[in-house]
Amino acid sequence: MRSLDGFDYFARVISNLPRPGFPGEFAQEELVAERFLQVGGVSDAVTLDIRKDSEDGSTQHIYKLGHKPLAKHADENPDVEIRLGEHVEHVYAHELFTSDEAARIFHFYYKNNDVSDKYALRQLPM
C-alpha cells in the first residue's frame, strides 16, 4: 500500500473468485457478481470501496468506507480530491485512510470476507 503514488500505482483490489481457479479461466458471467475490496489514492491518503451483498442478500451494492461516526452531509458535496491515475475522485474527509490503515482493513477482509463494522458505509450509485 505504501507504493501507491496516485499516478502509476494508484489502486489495489482483492476479490472473491466464484470458484477455485486462475483469473483468466472465468467467464464474464461468473465475475459479474464478484465481491471485492479496493483501495485507491496515494500512500498517505487513500479511499476504500467494497462491493458486497445488501442486508437481505437480494442484490449487491458498492460502498465507500469511512471512519465512524458518519457525519451527515446532505447539503454538502465531497470536497477532498483523491487522484486515481488520470481520474480524480471526491470523497469526504472521514473517508480518508493511511496506507497502514488500508493494509489492516485488507487483512481483515482477507480473513473475514467483509470489513469490520467499526467503519461506516456510504452506498455509491452503480
N, C-alpha and C. Protein backbone atom coordinates (compact mmCIF):
# COMPACT_ATOMS: atom_id res chain seq x y z
N MET A 1 0.82 -1.19 0.00
CA MET A 1 0.00 0.00 0.00
C MET A 1 0.87 1.26 0.00
N ARG A 2 2.04 1.16 0.57
CA ARG A 2 2.90 2.35 0.65
C ARG A 2 3.44 2.76 -0.70
N SER A 3 3.36 1.87 -1.70
CA SER A 3 3.87 2.22 -3.04
C SER A 3 2.87 3.02 -3.86
N LEU A 4 1.65 3.21 -3.36
CA LEU A 4 0.64 3.96 -4.11
C LEU A 4 1.09 5.40 -4.27
N ASP A 5 1.14 5.85 -5.53
CA ASP A 5 1.60 7.21 -5.80
C ASP A 5 0.54 8.09 -6.44
N GLY A 6 -0.64 7.53 -6.73
CA GLY A 6 -1.71 8.32 -7.33
C GLY A 6 -1.65 8.40 -8.84
N PHE A 7 -0.55 7.99 -9.45
CA PHE A 7 -0.38 8.09 -10.90
C PHE A 7 -0.13 6.73 -11.54
N ASP A 8 1.08 6.21 -11.39
CA ASP A 8 1.42 4.91 -11.98
C ASP A 8 0.88 3.76 -11.14
N TYR A 9 0.95 3.91 -9.85
CA TYR A 9 0.46 2.89 -8.92
C TYR A 9 -0.57 3.56 -8.02
N PHE A 10 -1.83 3.39 -8.36
CA PHE A 10 -2.87 4.14 -7.64
C PHE A 10 -3.99 3.28 -7.09
N ALA A 11 -3.96 1.96 -7.32
CA ALA A 11 -5.07 1.13 -6.84
C ALA A 11 -4.60 -0.30 -6.60
N ARG A 12 -5.29 -0.96 -5.68
CA ARG A 12 -5.12 -2.39 -5.41
C ARG A 12 -6.52 -2.95 -5.15
N VAL A 13 -6.72 -4.21 -5.56
CA VAL A 13 -8.03 -4.85 -5.39
C VAL A 13 -7.82 -6.26 -4.86
N ILE A 14 -8.68 -6.67 -3.94
CA ILE A 14 -8.76 -8.06 -3.51
C ILE A 14 -10.20 -8.48 -3.75
N SER A 15 -10.37 -9.66 -4.36
CA SER A 15 -11.73 -10.09 -4.68
C SER A 15 -11.91 -11.56 -4.38
N ASN A 16 -13.17 -11.96 -4.30
CA ASN A 16 -13.53 -13.34 -4.07
C ASN A 16 -13.81 -13.99 -5.42
N LEU A 17 -13.07 -15.01 -5.76
CA LEU A 17 -13.34 -15.71 -7.00
C LEU A 17 -14.57 -16.59 -6.84
N PRO A 18 -15.35 -16.78 -7.91
CA PRO A 18 -16.57 -17.57 -7.81
C PRO A 18 -16.32 -19.05 -7.55
N ARG A 19 -15.11 -19.52 -7.87
CA ARG A 19 -14.72 -20.91 -7.66
C ARG A 19 -13.20 -20.94 -7.73
N PRO A 20 -12.59 -22.03 -7.31
CA PRO A 20 -11.13 -22.12 -7.42
C PRO A 20 -10.68 -22.03 -8.88
N GLY A 21 -9.61 -21.33 -9.13
CA GLY A 21 -9.08 -21.20 -10.48
C GLY A 21 -8.26 -19.94 -10.62
N PHE A 22 -7.77 -19.74 -11.84
CA PHE A 22 -6.98 -18.55 -12.16
C PHE A 22 -7.86 -17.53 -12.85
N PRO A 23 -7.58 -16.23 -12.69
CA PRO A 23 -8.46 -15.19 -13.23
C PRO A 23 -8.84 -15.37 -14.69
N GLY A 24 -7.94 -15.79 -15.55
CA GLY A 24 -8.26 -15.94 -16.97
C GLY A 24 -9.20 -17.09 -17.29
N GLU A 25 -9.49 -17.93 -16.31
CA GLU A 25 -10.33 -19.11 -16.53
C GLU A 25 -11.82 -18.84 -16.33
N PHE A 26 -12.19 -17.64 -15.90
CA PHE A 26 -13.57 -17.36 -15.56
C PHE A 26 -14.29 -16.65 -16.69
N ALA A 27 -15.54 -17.05 -16.92
CA ALA A 27 -16.39 -16.35 -17.89
C ALA A 27 -16.85 -15.04 -17.26
N GLN A 28 -17.16 -14.06 -18.11
CA GLN A 28 -17.62 -12.76 -17.63
C GLN A 28 -18.85 -12.91 -16.74
N GLU A 29 -19.74 -13.84 -17.08
CA GLU A 29 -20.96 -14.04 -16.29
C GLU A 29 -20.62 -14.44 -14.85
N GLU A 30 -19.52 -15.16 -14.68
CA GLU A 30 -19.14 -15.58 -13.34
C GLU A 30 -18.61 -14.41 -12.51
N LEU A 31 -18.07 -13.41 -13.17
CA LEU A 31 -17.44 -12.30 -12.47
C LEU A 31 -18.37 -11.13 -12.21
N VAL A 32 -19.56 -11.15 -12.80
CA VAL A 32 -20.49 -10.03 -12.66
C VAL A 32 -20.83 -9.78 -11.20
N ALA A 33 -21.04 -10.82 -10.43
CA ALA A 33 -21.44 -10.67 -9.03
C ALA A 33 -20.24 -10.76 -8.08
N GLU A 34 -19.05 -10.56 -8.60
CA GLU A 34 -17.84 -10.67 -7.80
C GLU A 34 -17.82 -9.61 -6.69
N ARG A 35 -17.55 -10.06 -5.48
CA ARG A 35 -17.38 -9.12 -4.37
C ARG A 35 -15.92 -8.71 -4.30
N PHE A 36 -15.67 -7.48 -3.87
CA PHE A 36 -14.28 -7.01 -3.82
C PHE A 36 -14.12 -5.92 -2.78
N LEU A 37 -12.85 -5.67 -2.45
CA LEU A 37 -12.42 -4.52 -1.68
C LEU A 37 -11.32 -3.87 -2.49
N GLN A 38 -11.42 -2.57 -2.70
CA GLN A 38 -10.38 -1.88 -3.47
C GLN A 38 -9.94 -0.62 -2.75
N VAL A 39 -8.68 -0.29 -2.96
CA VAL A 39 -8.09 0.91 -2.38
C VAL A 39 -7.51 1.73 -3.52
N GLY A 40 -7.58 3.04 -3.38
CA GLY A 40 -7.00 3.92 -4.39
C GLY A 40 -6.52 5.22 -3.78
N GLY A 41 -5.52 5.81 -4.42
CA GLY A 41 -5.01 7.10 -3.96
C GLY A 41 -3.50 7.09 -3.84
N VAL A 42 -3.00 7.86 -2.89
CA VAL A 42 -1.57 7.90 -2.58
C VAL A 42 -1.39 7.34 -1.18
N SER A 43 -0.20 6.90 -0.85
CA SER A 43 0.01 6.12 0.37
C SER A 43 -0.46 6.81 1.65
N ASP A 44 -0.39 8.13 1.72
CA ASP A 44 -0.81 8.81 2.95
C ASP A 44 -2.26 9.26 2.92
N ALA A 45 -2.97 9.04 1.82
CA ALA A 45 -4.39 9.42 1.72
C ALA A 45 -5.06 8.53 0.67
N VAL A 46 -5.66 7.44 1.15
CA VAL A 46 -6.34 6.51 0.25
C VAL A 46 -7.82 6.43 0.61
N THR A 47 -8.59 5.94 -0.33
CA THR A 47 -10.01 5.71 -0.14
C THR A 47 -10.29 4.25 -0.44
N LEU A 48 -11.28 3.68 0.22
CA LEU A 48 -11.60 2.26 0.07
C LEU A 48 -13.05 2.09 -0.35
N ASP A 49 -13.28 1.17 -1.29
CA ASP A 49 -14.62 0.79 -1.73
C ASP A 49 -14.78 -0.70 -1.55
N ILE A 50 -16.00 -1.12 -1.22
CA ILE A 50 -16.31 -2.53 -1.11
C ILE A 50 -17.60 -2.80 -1.87
N ARG A 51 -17.60 -3.91 -2.61
CA ARG A 51 -18.86 -4.38 -3.21
C ARG A 51 -19.26 -5.61 -2.43
N LYS A 52 -20.46 -5.57 -1.89
CA LYS A 52 -20.94 -6.66 -1.05
C LYS A 52 -22.44 -6.78 -1.18
N ASP A 53 -22.96 -7.87 -0.66
CA ASP A 53 -24.40 -8.12 -0.70
C ASP A 53 -25.14 -7.12 0.18
N SER A 54 -26.37 -6.82 -0.22
CA SER A 54 -27.23 -5.98 0.61
C SER A 54 -27.60 -6.74 1.88
N GLU A 55 -28.21 -6.05 2.81
CA GLU A 55 -28.59 -6.67 4.08
C GLU A 55 -29.42 -7.93 3.88
N ASP A 56 -30.37 -7.89 2.93
CA ASP A 56 -31.25 -9.05 2.71
C ASP A 56 -30.66 -10.04 1.70
N GLY A 57 -29.49 -9.74 1.14
CA GLY A 57 -28.83 -10.64 0.22
C GLY A 57 -29.41 -10.68 -1.18
N SER A 58 -30.35 -9.80 -1.48
CA SER A 58 -31.04 -9.85 -2.77
C SER A 58 -30.27 -9.16 -3.89
N THR A 59 -29.35 -8.28 -3.55
CA THR A 59 -28.61 -7.52 -4.55
C THR A 59 -27.25 -7.14 -3.98
N GLN A 60 -26.43 -6.55 -4.82
CA GLN A 60 -25.13 -6.07 -4.36
C GLN A 60 -25.04 -4.56 -4.55
N HIS A 61 -24.25 -3.94 -3.70
CA HIS A 61 -24.02 -2.51 -3.78
C HIS A 61 -22.53 -2.24 -3.60
N ILE A 62 -22.10 -1.08 -4.07
CA ILE A 62 -20.74 -0.62 -3.81
C ILE A 62 -20.83 0.47 -2.75
N TYR A 63 -19.97 0.36 -1.75
CA TYR A 63 -19.97 1.30 -0.63
C TYR A 63 -18.59 1.93 -0.49
N LYS A 64 -18.57 3.18 -0.08
CA LYS A 64 -17.35 3.88 0.30
C LYS A 64 -17.18 3.70 1.80
N LEU A 65 -16.00 3.26 2.24
CA LEU A 65 -15.73 3.11 3.67
C LEU A 65 -15.36 4.45 4.27
N GLY A 66 -15.74 4.62 5.52
CA GLY A 66 -15.39 5.83 6.25
C GLY A 66 -15.23 5.53 7.72
N HIS A 67 -14.59 6.45 8.42
CA HIS A 67 -14.47 6.33 9.86
C HIS A 67 -15.80 6.73 10.49
N LYS A 68 -16.20 6.05 11.57
CA LYS A 68 -17.39 6.43 12.31
C LYS A 68 -16.99 7.48 13.33
N PRO A 69 -17.88 8.32 13.82
CA PRO A 69 -19.28 8.39 13.40
C PRO A 69 -19.40 9.07 12.05
N LEU A 70 -20.33 8.59 11.27
CA LEU A 70 -20.56 9.13 9.93
C LEU A 70 -21.34 10.42 10.06
N ALA A 71 -20.71 11.50 9.71
CA ALA A 71 -21.39 12.80 9.73
C ALA A 71 -22.36 12.87 8.56
N LYS A 72 -23.46 13.48 8.77
CA LYS A 72 -24.45 13.64 7.69
C LYS A 72 -24.03 14.79 6.80
N HIS A 73 -24.01 14.54 5.51
CA HIS A 73 -23.57 15.54 4.54
C HIS A 73 -24.66 15.81 3.51
N ALA A 74 -25.89 15.88 3.94
CA ALA A 74 -27.00 16.01 3.00
C ALA A 74 -26.85 17.23 2.10
N ASP A 75 -26.33 18.32 2.63
CA ASP A 75 -26.23 19.55 1.85
C ASP A 75 -24.81 19.81 1.33
N GLU A 76 -23.91 18.89 1.55
CA GLU A 76 -22.51 19.09 1.16
C GLU A 76 -22.10 18.09 0.09
N ASN A 77 -21.19 18.51 -0.75
CA ASN A 77 -20.58 17.59 -1.70
C ASN A 77 -19.23 17.17 -1.14
N PRO A 78 -18.79 15.96 -1.47
CA PRO A 78 -17.44 15.56 -1.04
C PRO A 78 -16.42 16.56 -1.58
N ASP A 79 -15.47 16.97 -0.74
CA ASP A 79 -14.58 18.05 -1.16
C ASP A 79 -13.09 17.70 -1.09
N VAL A 80 -12.75 16.46 -0.77
CA VAL A 80 -11.35 16.05 -0.74
C VAL A 80 -11.05 15.29 -2.03
N GLU A 81 -10.01 15.72 -2.74
CA GLU A 81 -9.65 15.08 -4.01
C GLU A 81 -8.66 13.94 -3.79
N ILE A 82 -8.95 12.81 -4.43
CA ILE A 82 -8.05 11.66 -4.45
C ILE A 82 -7.72 11.38 -5.90
N ARG A 83 -6.45 11.37 -6.25
CA ARG A 83 -6.03 11.10 -7.63
C ARG A 83 -5.92 9.60 -7.83
N LEU A 84 -6.60 9.12 -8.90
CA LEU A 84 -6.57 7.72 -9.30
C LEU A 84 -6.13 7.67 -10.75
N GLY A 85 -4.85 7.78 -10.98
CA GLY A 85 -4.34 7.83 -12.35
C GLY A 85 -4.78 9.13 -13.01
N GLU A 86 -5.49 9.01 -14.12
CA GLU A 86 -5.99 10.19 -14.84
C GLU A 86 -7.31 10.71 -14.25
N HIS A 87 -7.88 9.98 -13.33
CA HIS A 87 -9.18 10.30 -12.75
C HIS A 87 -8.99 10.93 -11.37
N VAL A 88 -9.88 11.85 -11.02
CA VAL A 88 -9.89 12.43 -9.67
C VAL A 88 -11.23 12.09 -9.04
N GLU A 89 -11.20 11.53 -7.85
CA GLU A 89 -12.41 11.19 -7.12
C GLU A 89 -12.54 12.13 -5.93
N HIS A 90 -13.76 12.53 -5.62
CA HIS A 90 -14.02 13.41 -4.48
C HIS A 90 -14.66 12.59 -3.36
N VAL A 91 -14.10 12.71 -2.16
CA VAL A 91 -14.60 11.99 -1.00
C VAL A 91 -14.70 12.96 0.17
N TYR A 92 -15.35 12.50 1.23
CA TYR A 92 -15.41 13.26 2.48
C TYR A 92 -14.14 12.99 3.28
N ALA A 93 -13.78 13.92 4.15
CA ALA A 93 -12.55 13.79 4.94
C ALA A 93 -12.55 12.53 5.80
N HIS A 94 -13.72 12.12 6.32
CA HIS A 94 -13.75 10.93 7.17
C HIS A 94 -13.62 9.64 6.36
N GLU A 95 -13.58 9.75 5.01
CA GLU A 95 -13.40 8.58 4.15
C GLU A 95 -11.95 8.40 3.70
N LEU A 96 -11.04 9.14 4.32
CA LEU A 96 -9.61 9.01 4.02
C LEU A 96 -8.95 8.08 5.02
N PHE A 97 -8.01 7.28 4.52
CA PHE A 97 -7.26 6.35 5.34
C PHE A 97 -5.78 6.46 4.97
N THR A 98 -4.91 6.06 5.88
CA THR A 98 -3.49 5.93 5.54
C THR A 98 -3.28 4.55 4.92
N SER A 99 -2.14 4.35 4.30
CA SER A 99 -1.85 3.04 3.72
C SER A 99 -1.75 1.96 4.80
N ASP A 100 -1.28 2.31 5.99
CA ASP A 100 -1.22 1.33 7.08
C ASP A 100 -2.62 0.91 7.51
N GLU A 101 -3.54 1.88 7.61
CA GLU A 101 -4.93 1.54 7.94
C GLU A 101 -5.52 0.65 6.85
N ALA A 102 -5.28 1.00 5.60
CA ALA A 102 -5.82 0.22 4.48
C ALA A 102 -5.29 -1.21 4.51
N ALA A 103 -4.02 -1.38 4.84
CA ALA A 103 -3.44 -2.73 4.91
C ALA A 103 -4.14 -3.56 5.98
N ARG A 104 -4.44 -2.95 7.12
CA ARG A 104 -5.15 -3.67 8.19
C ARG A 104 -6.57 -4.03 7.74
N ILE A 105 -7.22 -3.13 7.02
CA ILE A 105 -8.57 -3.40 6.52
C ILE A 105 -8.53 -4.53 5.50
N PHE A 106 -7.53 -4.54 4.60
CA PHE A 106 -7.37 -5.62 3.63
C PHE A 106 -7.15 -6.95 4.34
N HIS A 107 -6.32 -6.95 5.37
CA HIS A 107 -6.06 -8.19 6.11
C HIS A 107 -7.35 -8.70 6.76
N PHE A 108 -8.11 -7.82 7.37
CA PHE A 108 -9.38 -8.21 7.98
C PHE A 108 -10.31 -8.78 6.91
N TYR A 109 -10.40 -8.13 5.75
CA TYR A 109 -11.25 -8.60 4.66
C TYR A 109 -10.82 -9.99 4.20
N TYR A 110 -9.52 -10.19 4.06
CA TYR A 110 -9.00 -11.49 3.64
C TYR A 110 -9.41 -12.59 4.62
N LYS A 111 -9.35 -12.29 5.90
CA LYS A 111 -9.69 -13.28 6.93
C LYS A 111 -11.20 -13.47 7.11
N ASN A 112 -12.00 -12.42 6.91
CA ASN A 112 -13.42 -12.44 7.28
C ASN A 112 -14.38 -12.25 6.13
N ASN A 113 -13.87 -11.99 4.92
CA ASN A 113 -14.72 -11.80 3.75
C ASN A 113 -15.66 -10.60 3.91
N ASP A 114 -15.26 -9.64 4.71
CA ASP A 114 -16.04 -8.42 4.94
C ASP A 114 -15.13 -7.42 5.66
N VAL A 115 -15.63 -6.22 5.84
CA VAL A 115 -14.90 -5.23 6.63
C VAL A 115 -15.51 -5.17 8.02
N SER A 116 -14.76 -4.67 8.96
CA SER A 116 -15.24 -4.54 10.33
C SER A 116 -16.42 -3.58 10.38
N ASP A 117 -17.35 -3.87 11.29
CA ASP A 117 -18.50 -2.97 11.44
C ASP A 117 -18.14 -1.68 12.17
N LYS A 118 -16.86 -1.50 12.51
CA LYS A 118 -16.46 -0.23 13.11
C LYS A 118 -16.34 0.87 12.07
N TYR A 119 -16.47 0.52 10.79
CA TYR A 119 -16.41 1.50 9.71
C TYR A 119 -17.81 1.81 9.18
N ALA A 120 -18.00 3.05 8.80
CA ALA A 120 -19.26 3.47 8.19
C ALA A 120 -19.22 3.13 6.70
N LEU A 121 -20.38 2.85 6.13
CA LEU A 121 -20.50 2.55 4.70
C LEU A 121 -21.46 3.54 4.06
N ARG A 122 -21.00 4.21 3.00
CA ARG A 122 -21.86 5.11 2.23
C ARG A 122 -22.10 4.46 0.87
N GLN A 123 -23.37 4.16 0.59
CA GLN A 123 -23.70 3.49 -0.67
C GLN A 123 -23.43 4.42 -1.85
N LEU A 124 -22.77 3.88 -2.87
CA LEU A 124 -22.46 4.63 -4.08
C LEU A 124 -23.41 4.20 -5.20
N PRO A 125 -23.70 5.10 -6.13
CA PRO A 125 -24.52 4.70 -7.27
C PRO A 125 -23.75 3.72 -8.14
N MET A 126 -24.45 2.74 -8.70
CA MET A 126 -23.79 1.75 -9.57
C MET A 126 -24.02 2.09 -11.02
